[in-house]
């Protein structure tokens, strides 16, 4: 069993922290365990979404340079412009 003083230690390994959390969860009722899960999930700032960059590498070089230039120019022309009458 991991003691409270060990839990508060400045330098714990990831596996030690996980073990301490699991040990604490074992002493909690289901409802509290669920609250802990909800809290842990709320701490993850950016859940992984979308496609990994590795998987997208196969598309590298698939666009024509001319198309990229046109797209870049359209973005630059359309951005940072304020339409006062928009609102």
N, C-alpha and C. Protein backbone atom coordinates (compact mmCIF):
# COMPACT_ATOMS: atom_id res chain seq x y z
N UNK A 1 0.85 -1.19 0.00
CA UNK A 1 0.00 0.00 0.00
C UNK A 1 0.89 1.25 0.00
N UNK A 2 0.50 2.22 -0.76
CA UNK A 2 1.24 3.47 -0.84
C UNK A 2 0.69 4.43 0.20
N UNK A 3 1.57 4.99 1.02
CA UNK A 3 1.15 5.89 2.09
C UNK A 3 0.91 7.30 1.54
N UNK A 4 0.12 8.07 2.30
CA UNK A 4 -0.17 9.45 1.89
C UNK A 4 1.09 10.26 1.69
N UNK A 5 2.10 10.05 2.54
CA UNK A 5 3.34 10.82 2.38
C UNK A 5 4.02 10.47 1.08
N UNK A 6 3.91 9.22 0.64
CA UNK A 6 4.49 8.83 -0.64
C UNK A 6 3.70 9.43 -1.79
N UNK A 7 2.38 9.52 -1.64
CA UNK A 7 1.52 10.06 -2.69
C UNK A 7 1.87 11.52 -2.94
N UNK A 8 2.22 12.24 -1.89
CA UNK A 8 2.51 13.67 -2.02
C UNK A 8 3.97 13.94 -2.40
N UNK A 9 4.74 12.90 -2.57
CA UNK A 9 6.14 13.06 -2.93
C UNK A 9 6.26 13.81 -4.25
N UNK A 10 7.32 14.60 -4.37
CA UNK A 10 7.49 15.42 -5.57
C UNK A 10 7.81 14.60 -6.80
N UNK A 11 8.54 13.51 -6.65
CA UNK A 11 9.01 12.76 -7.80
C UNK A 11 8.49 11.33 -7.77
N UNK A 12 7.29 11.12 -8.24
CA UNK A 12 6.74 9.77 -8.33
C UNK A 12 6.73 9.37 -9.79
N UNK A 13 6.94 8.11 -10.05
CA UNK A 13 6.88 7.63 -11.42
C UNK A 13 5.42 7.53 -11.85
N UNK A 14 5.20 7.50 -13.16
CA UNK A 14 3.83 7.38 -13.68
C UNK A 14 3.16 6.12 -13.14
N UNK A 15 3.89 5.02 -13.11
CA UNK A 15 3.28 3.77 -12.65
C UNK A 15 2.95 3.83 -11.17
N UNK A 16 3.75 4.53 -10.37
CA UNK A 16 3.47 4.67 -8.94
C UNK A 16 2.23 5.51 -8.73
N UNK A 17 2.09 6.57 -9.50
CA UNK A 17 0.90 7.42 -9.39
C UNK A 17 -0.35 6.63 -9.78
N UNK A 18 -0.28 5.91 -10.88
CA UNK A 18 -1.43 5.11 -11.32
C UNK A 18 -1.79 4.07 -10.26
N UNK A 19 -0.78 3.43 -9.68
CA UNK A 19 -1.02 2.43 -8.65
C UNK A 19 -1.70 3.07 -7.43
N UNK A 20 -1.24 4.24 -7.04
CA UNK A 20 -1.83 4.92 -5.88
C UNK A 20 -3.29 5.29 -6.15
N UNK A 21 -3.57 5.76 -7.36
CA UNK A 21 -4.96 6.11 -7.71
C UNK A 21 -5.85 4.87 -7.67
N UNK A 22 -5.36 3.78 -8.24
CA UNK A 22 -6.14 2.54 -8.26
C UNK A 22 -6.41 2.05 -6.84
N UNK A 23 -5.38 2.12 -5.99
CA UNK A 23 -5.57 1.70 -4.59
C UNK A 23 -6.62 2.56 -3.90
N UNK A 24 -6.62 3.85 -4.16
CA UNK A 24 -7.62 4.73 -3.55
C UNK A 24 -9.02 4.41 -4.11
N UNK A 25 -9.10 4.15 -5.40
CA UNK A 25 -10.40 3.82 -6.01
C UNK A 25 -11.00 2.56 -5.42
N UNK A 26 -10.14 1.61 -5.07
CA UNK A 26 -10.63 0.35 -4.49
C UNK A 26 -11.40 0.56 -3.19
N UNK A 27 -11.19 1.69 -2.52
CA UNK A 27 -11.84 1.96 -1.25
C UNK A 27 -13.06 2.88 -1.40
N UNK A 28 -13.41 3.20 -2.62
CA UNK A 28 -14.51 4.14 -2.86
C UNK A 28 -15.73 3.40 -3.40
N UNK A 29 -16.92 3.88 -3.05
CA UNK A 29 -18.13 3.31 -3.66
C UNK A 29 -18.18 3.66 -5.16
N UNK A 30 -18.99 2.91 -5.86
CA UNK A 30 -19.09 3.07 -7.31
C UNK A 30 -19.38 4.50 -7.71
N UNK A 31 -20.31 5.15 -7.03
CA UNK A 31 -20.71 6.52 -7.40
C UNK A 31 -19.52 7.48 -7.31
N UNK A 32 -18.70 7.31 -6.28
CA UNK A 32 -17.53 8.18 -6.11
C UNK A 32 -16.49 7.85 -7.17
N UNK A 33 -16.33 6.57 -7.48
CA UNK A 33 -15.40 6.18 -8.54
C UNK A 33 -15.80 6.84 -9.86
N UNK A 34 -17.09 6.90 -10.11
CA UNK A 34 -17.58 7.52 -11.34
C UNK A 34 -17.26 9.02 -11.35
N UNK A 35 -17.38 9.66 -10.20
CA UNK A 35 -17.04 11.09 -10.09
C UNK A 35 -15.55 11.31 -10.36
N UNK A 36 -14.73 10.39 -9.84
CA UNK A 36 -13.29 10.48 -10.08
C UNK A 36 -13.00 10.35 -11.57
N UNK A 37 -13.67 9.41 -12.23
CA UNK A 37 -13.51 9.24 -13.67
C UNK A 37 -13.91 10.51 -14.42
N UNK A 38 -15.07 11.07 -14.07
CA UNK A 38 -15.52 12.30 -14.72
C UNK A 38 -14.49 13.42 -14.53
N UNK A 39 -13.96 13.52 -13.31
CA UNK A 39 -12.97 14.56 -13.02
C UNK A 39 -11.70 14.33 -13.84
N UNK A 40 -11.22 13.10 -13.88
CA UNK A 40 -10.01 12.79 -14.64
C UNK A 40 -10.21 13.12 -16.12
N UNK A 41 -11.37 12.80 -16.65
CA UNK A 41 -11.64 13.10 -18.06
C UNK A 41 -11.70 14.60 -18.30
N UNK A 42 -12.15 15.36 -17.31
CA UNK A 42 -12.23 16.82 -17.48
C UNK A 42 -10.84 17.46 -17.48
N UNK A 43 -9.85 16.77 -16.96
CA UNK A 43 -8.50 17.30 -16.91
C UNK A 43 -7.75 17.16 -18.23
N UNK A 44 -8.24 16.33 -19.10
CA UNK A 44 -7.58 16.13 -20.39
C UNK A 44 -7.97 17.29 -21.28
N UNK A 45 -7.01 18.21 -21.57
CA UNK A 45 -7.37 19.43 -22.29
C UNK A 45 -7.80 19.21 -23.73
N UNK A 46 -7.16 18.31 -24.39
CA UNK A 46 -7.47 18.11 -25.80
C UNK A 46 -7.54 16.62 -26.09
N UNK A 47 -8.71 16.05 -25.98
CA UNK A 47 -8.79 14.63 -26.30
C UNK A 47 -8.39 14.41 -27.75
N UNK A 48 -7.66 13.36 -28.00
CA UNK A 48 -7.23 13.11 -29.37
C UNK A 48 -8.42 12.96 -30.30
N UNK A 49 -8.42 13.73 -31.36
CA UNK A 49 -9.48 13.66 -32.36
C UNK A 49 -8.82 13.73 -33.73
N UNK A 50 -9.52 13.30 -34.70
CA UNK A 50 -9.02 13.43 -36.06
C UNK A 50 -8.07 12.31 -36.44
N UNK A 51 -7.25 12.61 -37.41
CA UNK A 51 -6.34 11.63 -37.99
C UNK A 51 -4.91 11.96 -37.64
N UNK A 52 -4.15 10.96 -37.34
CA UNK A 52 -2.74 11.13 -37.03
C UNK A 52 -2.00 11.70 -38.23
N UNK A 53 -1.05 12.56 -37.96
CA UNK A 53 -0.24 13.14 -39.03
C UNK A 53 0.49 12.07 -39.83
N UNK A 54 0.89 10.98 -39.15
CA UNK A 54 1.57 9.89 -39.85
C UNK A 54 0.69 9.32 -40.97
N UNK A 55 -0.59 9.21 -40.67
CA UNK A 55 -1.50 8.64 -41.67
C UNK A 55 -1.72 9.59 -42.85
N UNK A 56 -1.50 10.88 -42.62
CA UNK A 56 -1.71 11.87 -43.68
C UNK A 56 -0.49 12.05 -44.58
N UNK A 57 0.65 11.51 -44.16
CA UNK A 57 1.87 11.68 -44.95
C UNK A 57 1.74 11.14 -46.37
N UNK A 58 0.88 10.16 -46.56
CA UNK A 58 0.73 9.59 -47.90
C UNK A 58 0.17 10.61 -48.89
N UNK A 59 -0.44 11.69 -48.39
CA UNK A 59 -0.99 12.72 -49.27
C UNK A 59 0.04 13.81 -49.60
N UNK A 60 1.19 13.73 -48.95
CA UNK A 60 2.22 14.74 -49.17
C UNK A 60 2.61 14.78 -50.65
N UNK A 61 2.61 15.99 -51.20
CA UNK A 61 2.99 16.15 -52.61
C UNK A 61 1.88 15.87 -53.59
N UNK A 62 0.67 15.62 -53.11
CA UNK A 62 -0.42 15.27 -54.01
C UNK A 62 -1.10 16.49 -54.63
N UNK A 63 -0.83 17.69 -54.11
CA UNK A 63 -1.41 18.90 -54.67
C UNK A 63 -0.41 19.59 -55.60
N UNK A 64 -0.93 20.16 -56.65
CA UNK A 64 -0.08 20.91 -57.56
C UNK A 64 0.35 22.21 -56.91
N UNK A 65 1.57 22.63 -57.20
CA UNK A 65 2.11 23.87 -56.64
C UNK A 65 1.23 25.05 -56.99
N UNK A 66 0.71 25.07 -58.21
CA UNK A 66 -0.14 26.18 -58.64
C UNK A 66 -1.40 26.26 -57.78
N UNK A 67 -1.98 25.11 -57.47
CA UNK A 67 -3.19 25.08 -56.63
C UNK A 67 -2.89 25.61 -55.23
N UNK A 68 -1.73 25.26 -54.70
CA UNK A 68 -1.35 25.73 -53.37
C UNK A 68 -1.17 27.24 -53.37
N UNK A 69 -0.59 27.78 -54.43
CA UNK A 69 -0.40 29.23 -54.55
C UNK A 69 -1.74 29.94 -54.59
N UNK A 70 -2.68 29.42 -55.37
CA UNK A 70 -4.02 30.02 -55.48
C UNK A 70 -4.73 29.98 -54.12
N UNK A 71 -4.65 28.85 -53.44
CA UNK A 71 -5.30 28.72 -52.13
C UNK A 71 -4.68 29.68 -51.11
N UNK A 72 -3.36 29.76 -51.10
CA UNK A 72 -2.67 30.65 -50.18
C UNK A 72 -3.07 32.10 -50.42
N UNK A 73 -3.14 32.49 -51.68
CA UNK A 73 -3.51 33.86 -52.01
C UNK A 73 -4.95 34.16 -51.59
N UNK A 74 -5.84 33.19 -51.80
CA UNK A 74 -7.25 33.37 -51.42
C UNK A 74 -7.37 33.55 -49.90
N UNK A 75 -6.59 32.79 -49.16
CA UNK A 75 -6.62 32.92 -47.70
C UNK A 75 -6.10 34.28 -47.28
N UNK A 76 -4.98 34.68 -47.85
CA UNK A 76 -4.40 35.98 -47.49
C UNK A 76 -5.32 37.14 -47.88
N UNK A 77 -5.98 37.03 -49.02
CA UNK A 77 -6.88 38.09 -49.47
C UNK A 77 -8.14 38.17 -48.61
N UNK A 78 -8.61 37.03 -48.15
CA UNK A 78 -9.87 36.98 -47.42
C UNK A 78 -9.75 37.20 -45.92
N UNK A 79 -8.56 37.07 -45.40
CA UNK A 79 -8.37 37.20 -43.95
C UNK A 79 -8.01 38.64 -43.57
N UNK A 80 -8.23 38.95 -42.32
CA UNK A 80 -7.89 40.24 -41.74
C UNK A 80 -8.60 41.41 -42.41
N UNK A 81 -9.77 41.15 -42.94
CA UNK A 81 -10.57 42.22 -43.51
C UNK A 81 -11.83 42.35 -42.67
N UNK A 82 -12.17 43.57 -42.35
CA UNK A 82 -13.34 43.83 -41.53
C UNK A 82 -14.43 44.42 -42.39
N UNK A 83 -15.61 43.81 -42.31
CA UNK A 83 -16.78 44.33 -43.00
C UNK A 83 -17.61 45.04 -41.94
N UNK A 84 -17.54 46.37 -41.91
CA UNK A 84 -18.22 47.16 -40.89
C UNK A 84 -19.72 46.96 -40.93
N UNK A 85 -20.30 46.70 -42.08
CA UNK A 85 -21.74 46.52 -42.22
C UNK A 85 -22.20 45.09 -41.94
N UNK A 86 -21.27 44.21 -41.60
CA UNK A 86 -21.60 42.80 -41.38
C UNK A 86 -22.57 42.64 -40.21
N UNK A 87 -22.42 43.42 -39.16
CA UNK A 87 -23.27 43.28 -37.98
C UNK A 87 -24.46 44.14 -38.15
